[in-house]
């Protein structure tokens, strides 16, 4: 009995020591965890591209990893710097543009608006009422939200420096993972097999496919929508097209769509009397707004055979729960849980049959 008691105490202390070391390790790595997670998602998503690039570069992994890391810097860091410069350089122009709206009367609604089915007549009446009240009445309604919006915008500007450092760390960690990716995958697979046997390995491989599917379906679709929307804004002469394109990209990543930017831009074009360009931007906005309905499913199906509803819920829920990185974490967790549940039910069905 004394031997059993001594073994229980030793095992308990050993487990507590291991848990303490794991907690301390996470505490030390906490400042780097966002960059590590981002780098992991990027490397998993772009691994086939790395292998193709390596074949073209005479099989040299280090050279291919350097090119991929440089591409990440150009894709993430340089646009962030350009956005910061654009925001700071156009701050005075933006303030003057907002102030000029107070003296710009709202034109009457276009005739075609009332002829639209269902929503046309109410929208025309609302437009006419606001035009009669003038900008002062509209500004009085918007004023309670102006302070909060200004504070949020200032906070985002202050966070650009932190985001810049995180992107640099992401590029560094991605370069390390590119070089030693195979060893890392073997270690993860061995750990998963030790933890849950064959089912653990299946979960790891499923997680990789889910990450790649979400990257292709969500990120590529967001890039396409934001890029085409930005082209439309620039061609139609909407100011701050670069900044609005960046905002559209974030909204598309969050599954809110580009309409929150394009719709006000269309209204602004009609407000300024640019009926022709406003109509062009309206038609272009409709095309850009609905393209995700067929582009996203095609891209997701190419990498992972997952229900689209599961991916959508995972993206939205992950974004709310974990922030921007949750657009990858949410679908991966749901995909692994969904597949393991299906495997467990199928195994039980076979045993009963």
Protein backbone atom coordinates (compact mmCIF):
# COMPACT_ATOMS: atom_id res chain seq x y z
CA UNK A 1 0.00 0.00 0.00
CA UNK A 2 2.86 2.35 0.81
CA UNK A 3 4.43 1.62 -2.61
CA UNK A 4 1.14 2.42 -4.35
CA UNK A 5 0.84 5.66 -2.39
CA UNK A 6 4.43 6.64 -3.28
CA UNK A 7 3.81 5.93 -7.01
CA UNK A 8 0.57 7.93 -6.97
CA UNK A 9 2.32 10.91 -5.39
CA UNK A 10 5.21 10.73 -7.85
CA UNK A 11 2.89 10.42 -10.86
CA UNK A 12 0.73 13.30 -9.66
CA UNK A 13 3.74 15.54 -9.14
CA UNK A 14 5.11 14.53 -12.54
CA UNK A 15 1.85 15.41 -14.27
CA UNK A 16 1.65 18.74 -12.43
CA UNK A 17 5.24 19.51 -13.39
CA UNK A 18 4.55 18.77 -17.05
CA UNK A 19 1.39 20.92 -16.99
CA UNK A 20 3.32 23.72 -15.31
CA UNK A 21 6.05 23.58 -17.95
CA UNK A 22 3.47 23.62 -20.75
CA UNK A 23 1.70 26.62 -19.18
CA UNK A 24 5.01 28.45 -18.72
CA UNK A 25 5.97 27.74 -22.33
CA UNK A 26 2.69 29.16 -23.59
CA UNK A 27 3.15 32.19 -21.33
CA UNK A 28 6.59 32.84 -22.80
CA UNK A 29 5.40 32.29 -26.36
CA UNK A 30 2.19 34.31 -25.93
CA UNK A 31 3.52 37.49 -27.65
CA UNK A 32 4.54 35.39 -30.64
CA UNK A 33 1.50 33.11 -30.86
CA UNK A 34 -0.48 35.25 -33.36
CA UNK A 35 2.51 35.39 -35.72
CA UNK A 36 3.17 31.65 -35.30
CA UNK A 37 -0.47 30.76 -36.02
CA UNK A 38 -0.58 33.07 -39.04
CA UNK A 39 2.67 31.65 -40.35
CA UNK A 40 1.36 28.10 -39.92
CA UNK A 41 -1.83 28.90 -41.83
CA UNK A 42 0.10 30.61 -44.63
CA UNK A 43 2.68 27.82 -44.95
CA UNK A 44 0.03 25.08 -45.00
CA UNK A 45 -1.99 26.97 -47.61
CA UNK A 46 0.96 27.75 -49.89
CA UNK A 47 2.96 24.52 -49.48
CA UNK A 48 2.06 23.16 -52.96
CA UNK A 49 3.21 26.46 -54.44
CA UNK A 50 6.52 26.15 -52.57
CA UNK A 51 7.11 22.67 -53.98
CA UNK A 52 6.42 23.83 -57.53
CA UNK A 53 8.73 26.80 -57.04
CA UNK A 54 11.42 24.50 -55.65
CA UNK A 55 11.25 22.33 -58.77
CA UNK A 56 11.79 25.43 -60.94
CA UNK A 57 14.74 26.59 -58.78
CA UNK A 58 16.87 23.48 -59.35
CA UNK A 59 15.48 21.70 -56.27
CA UNK A 60 16.98 24.19 -53.81
CA UNK A 61 14.64 24.51 -50.82
CA UNK A 62 16.49 27.45 -49.23
CA UNK A 63 16.18 29.51 -52.39
CA UNK A 64 12.49 28.67 -52.78
CA UNK A 65 11.85 29.54 -49.11
CA UNK A 66 13.63 32.88 -49.56
CA UNK A 67 11.50 33.73 -52.60
CA UNK A 68 8.28 32.78 -50.80
CA UNK A 69 9.26 34.80 -47.72
CA UNK A 70 10.06 37.81 -49.88
CA UNK A 71 6.66 37.43 -51.53
CA UNK A 72 4.99 37.43 -48.11
CA UNK A 73 6.79 40.65 -47.20
CA UNK A 74 5.68 42.25 -50.47
CA UNK A 75 2.10 41.05 -50.02
CA UNK A 76 1.61 41.92 -46.34
CA UNK A 77 4.21 44.40 -45.12
CA UNK A 78 4.53 46.72 -48.13
CA UNK A 79 0.74 47.28 -48.54
CA UNK A 80 0.51 48.02 -44.81
CA UNK A 81 3.19 50.68 -45.12
CA UNK A 82 1.53 52.14 -48.21
CA UNK A 83 -1.81 52.22 -46.40
CA UNK A 84 -0.26 54.00 -43.41
CA UNK A 85 1.42 56.56 -45.68
CA UNK A 86 -1.82 57.08 -47.62
CA UNK A 87 -3.85 57.58 -44.44
CA UNK A 88 -1.39 60.04 -42.92
CA UNK A 89 -0.80 61.90 -46.20
CA UNK A 90 -4.51 62.28 -46.98
CA UNK A 91 -5.72 63.06 -43.46
CA UNK A 92 -6.16 66.78 -44.21
CA UNK A 93 -7.84 66.05 -47.52
CA UNK A 94 -10.22 63.61 -45.87
CA UNK A 95 -11.22 66.13 -43.18
CA UNK A 96 -11.79 68.85 -45.82
CA UNK A 97 -13.88 66.43 -47.90
CA UNK A 98 -16.09 65.56 -44.90
CA UNK A 99 -16.52 69.24 -44.03
CA UNK A 100 -17.50 70.04 -47.62
CA UNK A 101 -20.43 67.63 -47.37
CA UNK A 102 -22.17 70.04 -44.98
CA UNK A 103 -22.52 72.59 -47.80
CA UNK A 104 -23.45 70.07 -50.49
CA UNK A 105 -27.22 69.77 -50.94
CA UNK A 106 -28.67 66.34 -51.48
CA UNK A 107 -30.12 66.14 -55.01
CA UNK A 108 -33.64 64.79 -55.59
CA UNK A 109 -33.93 61.04 -56.14
CA UNK A 110 -33.49 59.81 -59.71
CA UNK A 111 -36.67 58.92 -61.56
CA UNK A 112 -35.73 55.29 -62.09
CA UNK A 113 -35.45 54.66 -58.33
CA UNK A 114 -39.23 54.84 -57.78
CA UNK A 115 -39.79 52.36 -60.62
CA UNK A 116 -37.77 49.62 -58.94
CA UNK A 117 -39.93 46.75 -57.63
CA UNK A 118 -40.72 46.36 -53.91
CA UNK A 119 -38.11 48.72 -52.44
CA UNK A 120 -38.15 51.43 -55.09
CA UNK A 121 -41.01 53.59 -53.79
CA UNK A 122 -39.98 53.53 -50.08
CA UNK A 123 -36.37 54.32 -51.04
CA UNK A 124 -37.48 57.24 -53.23
CA UNK A 125 -39.67 58.67 -50.44
CA UNK A 126 -36.84 58.34 -47.93
CA UNK A 127 -34.40 60.02 -50.33
CA UNK A 128 -36.85 62.88 -51.00
CA UNK A 129 -37.46 63.42 -47.28
CA UNK A 130 -33.74 63.57 -46.52
CA UNK A 131 -33.19 65.94 -49.46
CA UNK A 132 -35.89 68.23 -48.06
CA UNK A 133 -34.38 68.18 -44.58
CA UNK A 134 -30.91 68.98 -45.96
CA UNK A 135 -27.59 67.73 -44.70
CA UNK A 136 -28.18 69.29 -41.29
CA UNK A 137 -30.94 66.82 -40.50
CA UNK A 138 -28.84 63.87 -41.66
CA UNK A 139 -25.80 65.04 -39.69
CA UNK A 140 -27.92 65.33 -36.54
CA UNK A 141 -28.82 61.66 -36.86
CA UNK A 142 -25.24 60.61 -37.49
CA UNK A 143 -23.66 62.82 -34.81
CA UNK A 144 -24.16 60.39 -31.86
CA UNK A 145 -22.06 57.80 -33.69
CA UNK A 146 -19.34 60.14 -34.90
CA UNK A 147 -17.40 60.15 -31.64
CA UNK A 148 -17.27 56.38 -31.37
CA UNK A 149 -16.29 56.04 -35.04
CA UNK A 150 -13.50 58.59 -34.64
CA UNK A 151 -12.13 56.84 -31.54
CA UNK A 152 -12.17 53.50 -33.34
CA UNK A 153 -10.36 54.96 -36.35
CA UNK A 154 -7.65 56.51 -34.16
CA UNK A 155 -7.20 53.20 -32.33
CA UNK A 156 -6.76 51.39 -35.63
CA UNK A 157 -4.13 53.90 -36.75
CA UNK A 158 -2.28 53.39 -33.47
CA UNK A 159 -2.31 49.64 -34.05
CA UNK A 160 -0.56 49.84 -37.41
CA UNK A 161 2.86 49.65 -35.75
CA UNK A 162 1.92 46.48 -33.87
CA UNK A 163 0.47 44.98 -37.03
CA UNK A 164 3.68 45.83 -38.92
CA UNK A 165 5.80 43.98 -36.33
CA UNK A 166 3.42 40.99 -36.37
CA UNK A 167 3.61 40.74 -40.15
CA UNK A 168 7.41 40.83 -40.04
CA UNK A 169 7.43 38.07 -37.41
CA UNK A 170 4.97 36.10 -39.53
CA UNK A 171 7.33 36.30 -42.51
CA UNK A 172 10.28 35.16 -40.37
CA UNK A 173 8.40 32.20 -38.87
CA UNK A 174 7.04 31.26 -42.30
CA UNK A 175 10.58 31.17 -43.71
CA UNK A 176 11.66 28.82 -40.90
CA UNK A 177 8.65 26.58 -41.50
CA UNK A 178 9.26 26.52 -45.25
CA UNK A 179 12.79 25.24 -44.71
CA UNK A 180 11.90 22.52 -42.18
CA UNK A 181 8.32 21.77 -43.12
CA UNK A 182 8.69 18.03 -43.65
CA UNK A 183 10.35 17.46 -40.28
CA UNK A 184 7.62 19.48 -38.56
CA UNK A 185 4.86 17.50 -40.29
CA UNK A 186 6.46 14.17 -39.33
CA UNK A 187 6.73 15.30 -35.72
CA UNK A 188 3.10 16.42 -35.63
CA UNK A 189 1.92 13.18 -37.20
CA UNK A 190 3.93 11.10 -34.70
CA UNK A 191 2.47 13.11 -31.82
CA UNK A 192 -1.07 12.74 -33.20
CA UNK A 193 -0.56 8.98 -33.67
CA UNK A 194 0.77 8.67 -30.13
CA UNK A 195 -2.24 10.61 -28.86
CA UNK A 196 -5.09 9.03 -30.84
CA UNK A 197 -3.65 6.41 -33.14
CA UNK A 198 -4.69 6.38 -36.79
CA UNK A 199 -7.59 8.71 -36.09
CA UNK A 200 -5.16 11.34 -34.82
CA UNK A 201 -3.22 11.26 -38.09
CA UNK A 202 -6.46 11.57 -40.03
CA UNK A 203 -7.36 14.64 -37.95
CA UNK A 204 -4.03 16.32 -38.73
CA UNK A 205 -4.36 15.69 -42.46
CA UNK A 206 -7.96 16.90 -42.39
CA UNK A 207 -6.89 20.08 -40.60
CA UNK A 208 -4.38 20.76 -43.37
CA UNK A 209 -7.02 20.29 -46.08
CA UNK A 210 -9.47 22.48 -44.17
CA UNK A 211 -6.90 25.27 -43.84
CA UNK A 212 -6.12 25.10 -47.55
CA UNK A 213 -9.80 25.02 -48.46
CA UNK A 214 -10.65 28.02 -46.29
CA UNK A 215 -7.64 29.93 -47.63
CA UNK A 216 -8.68 29.28 -51.21
CA UNK A 217 -12.37 29.88 -50.61
CA UNK A 218 -12.32 32.84 -48.23
CA UNK A 219 -9.07 34.69 -48.82
CA UNK A 220 -8.87 34.31 -52.62
CA UNK A 221 -12.54 35.29 -52.95
CA UNK A 222 -11.94 38.33 -50.73
CA UNK A 223 -8.94 39.35 -52.83
CA UNK A 224 -10.97 39.00 -56.04
CA UNK A 225 -13.94 40.96 -54.74
CA UNK A 226 -11.86 43.71 -53.14
CA UNK A 227 -9.61 44.00 -56.20
CA UNK A 228 -12.49 44.26 -58.68
CA UNK A 229 -14.37 46.60 -56.35
CA UNK A 230 -11.29 48.81 -56.04
CA UNK A 231 -10.93 48.93 -59.83
CA UNK A 232 -14.54 50.07 -60.09
CA UNK A 233 -14.01 52.80 -57.48
CA UNK A 234 -10.86 54.06 -59.18
CA UNK A 235 -12.37 54.08 -62.68
CA UNK A 236 -15.50 55.90 -61.51
CA UNK A 237 -13.43 58.55 -59.72
CA UNK A 238 -14.32 57.77 -56.10
CA UNK A 239 -11.73 59.36 -53.76
CA UNK A 240 -9.56 57.26 -51.41
CA UNK A 241 -9.99 54.20 -53.63
CA UNK A 242 -6.89 52.50 -52.18
CA UNK A 243 -8.07 52.89 -48.58
CA UNK A 244 -11.61 51.82 -49.47
CA UNK A 245 -10.22 48.76 -51.26
CA UNK A 246 -8.35 47.74 -48.08
CA UNK A 247 -11.57 48.20 -46.08
CA UNK A 248 -13.46 46.07 -48.62
CA UNK A 249 -10.87 43.32 -48.28
CA UNK A 250 -11.32 43.22 -44.49
CA UNK A 251 -15.11 43.22 -44.84
CA UNK A 252 -14.96 40.36 -47.36
CA UNK A 253 -12.68 38.40 -45.03
CA UNK A 254 -15.27 38.93 -42.28
CA UNK A 255 -17.96 37.61 -44.67
CA UNK A 256 -19.77 40.97 -44.65
CA UNK A 257 -19.21 41.57 -48.35
CA UNK A 258 -18.09 44.62 -50.33
CA UNK A 259 -21.55 46.19 -50.33
CA UNK A 260 -20.87 48.15 -47.15
CA UNK A 261 -18.30 50.16 -49.13
CA UNK A 262 -19.72 50.05 -52.64
CA UNK A 263 -23.28 51.04 -51.71
CA UNK A 264 -22.25 54.34 -50.01
CA UNK A 265 -19.93 55.00 -52.96
CA UNK A 266 -22.84 54.62 -55.40
CA UNK A 267 -24.98 56.94 -53.27
CA UNK A 268 -22.13 59.45 -53.17
CA UNK A 269 -21.86 59.38 -56.97
CA UNK A 270 -25.57 60.11 -57.39
CA UNK A 271 -25.39 62.70 -54.64
CA UNK A 272 -22.72 64.57 -56.59
CA UNK A 273 -24.80 64.48 -59.77
CA UNK A 274 -22.61 61.88 -61.56
CA UNK A 275 -25.56 59.83 -62.77
CA UNK A 276 -23.73 58.02 -65.58
CA UNK A 277 -20.74 56.94 -63.48
CA UNK A 278 -23.07 56.20 -60.58
CA UNK A 279 -25.05 53.81 -62.77
CA UNK A 280 -21.83 52.19 -64.02
CA UNK A 281 -20.60 51.72 -60.44
CA UNK A 282 -24.01 50.35 -59.41
CA UNK A 283 -23.95 47.70 -62.14
CA UNK A 284 -20.32 46.84 -61.34
CA UNK A 285 -21.15 46.61 -57.62
CA UNK A 286 -23.93 44.11 -58.30
CA UNK A 287 -21.52 41.88 -60.22
CA UNK A 288 -18.83 42.13 -57.54
CA UNK A 289 -21.34 41.56 -54.75
CA UNK A 290 -22.74 38.28 -56.10
CA UNK A 291 -19.55 36.72 -57.46
CA UNK A 292 -18.71 35.10 -54.12
CA UNK A 293 -21.84 32.95 -54.38
CA UNK A 294 -20.26 30.82 -57.10
CA UNK A 295 -16.52 31.53 -56.71
CA UNK A 296 -16.17 30.55 -53.05
CA UNK A 297 -17.87 27.11 -53.33
CA UNK A 298 -15.74 26.17 -56.35
CA UNK A 299 -12.49 27.10 -54.58
CA UNK A 300 -13.40 25.35 -51.32
CA UNK A 301 -14.43 22.16 -53.09
CA UNK A 302 -11.07 22.00 -54.84
CA UNK A 303 -9.21 21.53 -51.53
CA UNK A 304 -11.64 20.17 -48.96
CA UNK A 305 -14.92 18.28 -49.31
CA UNK A 306 -16.69 20.15 -46.52
CA UNK A 307 -20.28 21.41 -46.22
CA UNK A 308 -20.39 25.08 -47.17
CA UNK A 309 -22.67 25.86 -44.22
CA UNK A 310 -20.08 24.40 -41.87
CA UNK A 311 -17.36 26.55 -43.42
CA UNK A 312 -19.53 29.67 -43.26
CA UNK A 313 -20.45 29.12 -39.60
CA UNK A 314 -16.83 28.36 -38.78
CA UNK A 315 -15.61 31.58 -40.41
CA UNK A 316 -18.20 33.80 -38.69
CA UNK A 317 -17.99 32.06 -35.31
CA UNK A 318 -14.19 31.93 -35.38
CA UNK A 319 -14.00 35.61 -36.29
CA UNK A 320 -16.23 36.56 -33.35
CA UNK A 321 -14.48 34.23 -30.90
CA UNK A 322 -10.80 34.61 -31.86
CA UNK A 323 -10.58 37.71 -34.02
CA UNK A 324 -9.15 37.74 -37.55
CA UNK A 325 -7.18 34.51 -37.06
CA UNK A 326 -10.49 32.83 -36.22
CA UNK A 327 -11.43 32.71 -39.92
CA UNK A 328 -8.99 29.79 -40.12
CA UNK A 329 -9.27 28.36 -36.61
CA UNK A 330 -13.08 28.19 -36.64
CA UNK A 331 -13.52 26.13 -39.84
CA UNK A 332 -10.59 23.86 -38.93
CA UNK A 333 -12.07 23.01 -35.53
CA UNK A 334 -15.53 22.41 -36.97
CA UNK A 335 -14.15 20.38 -39.88
CA UNK A 336 -12.12 18.09 -37.63
CA UNK A 337 -15.05 17.66 -35.23
CA UNK A 338 -17.46 16.98 -38.09
CA UNK A 339 -15.22 14.39 -39.74
CA UNK A 340 -14.39 12.58 -36.49
CA UNK A 341 -18.09 12.47 -35.60
CA UNK A 342 -18.88 10.99 -39.02
CA UNK A 343 -16.11 8.40 -38.63
CA UNK A 344 -17.35 7.45 -35.15
CA UNK A 345 -20.96 7.08 -36.34
CA UNK A 346 -19.88 5.05 -39.39
CA UNK A 347 -17.74 2.78 -37.20
CA UNK A 348 -20.65 2.21 -34.81
CA UNK A 349 -22.96 1.50 -37.77
CA UNK A 350 -20.55 -1.10 -39.17
CA UNK A 351 -20.24 -2.82 -35.79
CA UNK A 352 -24.02 -2.98 -35.42
CA UNK A 353 -24.49 -4.21 -39.01
